Amino acid sequence: MLGLAGSAAAGVAGWLSPVLIVLSALLLGQAFYILYVKRRGTRASVIITWSAALFVVGYWTWRMLCAVHCGS
């Protein structure tokens, strides 16, 4: 029973990963649009947005490199 649940979770995670990547890109785009086009936001929101962007890009890069080198 546990093996079947793990297989189902892996299937959902495999399908959900590209959706979450697109969703995070859209939300970061919206945050930068609000900050720099609409000129709304505080210094803290600029720092948080840039920190989130660096984290997301770093995570995507790590996933890509791991997929290439680890063979996953």
Protein backbone atom coordinates (compact mmCIF):
# COMPACT_ATOMS: atom_id res chain seq x y z
CA MET A 1 0.00 0.00 0.00
CA LEU A 2 2.81 2.41 0.85
CA GLY A 3 4.59 1.74 -2.45
CA LEU A 4 1.43 2.58 -4.37
CA ALA A 5 1.02 5.85 -2.47
CA GLY A 6 4.64 6.76 -3.21
CA SER A 7 4.13 6.05 -6.90
CA ALA A 8 1.01 8.20 -6.95
CA ALA A 9 2.80 11.03 -5.13
CA ALA A 10 5.69 10.88 -7.62
CA GLY A 11 3.23 11.04 -10.51
CA VAL A 12 1.51 14.08 -9.05
CA ALA A 13 4.84 15.76 -8.27
CA GLY A 14 6.04 15.15 -11.83
CA TRP A 15 2.91 16.77 -13.24
CA LEU A 16 2.85 19.59 -10.70
CA SER A 17 6.46 20.74 -11.12
CA PRO A 18 6.04 22.51 -14.49
CA VAL A 19 2.81 24.10 -13.29
CA LEU A 20 4.54 25.51 -10.22
CA ILE A 21 7.42 26.81 -12.34
CA VAL A 22 5.01 28.72 -14.60
CA LEU A 23 3.02 29.96 -11.61
CA SER A 24 6.14 31.24 -9.85
CA ALA A 25 7.31 33.01 -13.03
CA LEU A 26 3.92 34.69 -13.42
CA LEU A 27 3.80 35.81 -9.79
CA LEU A 28 7.36 37.17 -9.91
CA GLY A 29 6.51 38.99 -13.12
CA GLN A 30 3.49 40.55 -11.46
CA ALA A 31 5.57 41.60 -8.46
CA PHE A 32 8.20 43.28 -10.66
CA TYR A 33 5.45 44.95 -12.72
CA ILE A 34 3.90 46.42 -9.58
CA LEU A 35 7.28 47.56 -8.26
CA TYR A 36 8.82 49.08 -11.38
CA VAL A 37 6.00 49.90 -13.81
CA LYS A 38 3.35 51.06 -11.38
CA ARG A 39 6.01 52.45 -9.01
CA ARG A 40 4.34 51.03 -5.93
CA GLY A 41 6.14 49.35 -3.09
CA THR A 42 8.53 49.97 -0.26
CA ARG A 43 12.21 49.27 0.13
CA ALA A 44 11.31 46.08 1.98
CA SER A 45 9.11 44.86 -0.88
CA VAL A 46 11.95 45.48 -3.36
CA ILE A 47 14.35 43.46 -1.20
CA ILE A 48 11.84 40.65 -0.72
CA THR A 49 10.99 40.51 -4.43
CA TRP A 50 14.63 40.39 -5.52
CA SER A 51 15.41 37.78 -2.84
CA ALA A 52 12.53 35.62 -4.04
CA ALA A 53 13.64 36.00 -7.66
CA LEU A 54 17.21 34.97 -6.81
CA PHE A 55 15.96 32.00 -4.80
CA VAL A 56 13.66 30.82 -7.61
CA VAL A 57 16.31 31.20 -10.33
CA GLY A 58 18.86 29.46 -8.11
CA TYR A 59 16.45 26.60 -7.45
CA TRP A 60 15.62 26.20 -11.16
CA THR A 61 19.32 26.21 -12.01
CA TRP A 62 20.04 23.61 -9.34
CA ARG A 63 17.19 21.39 -10.61
CA MET A 64 18.44 21.66 -14.20
CA LEU A 65 22.04 20.90 -13.25
CA CYS A 66 20.98 17.99 -11.07
CA ALA A 67 18.85 16.58 -13.87
CA VAL A 68 21.78 16.79 -16.28
CA HIS A 69 24.46 15.42 -13.95
CA CYS A 70 22.43 13.00 -11.84
CA GLY A 71 20.51 11.57 -14.76
CA SER A 72 17.07 12.11 -13.23
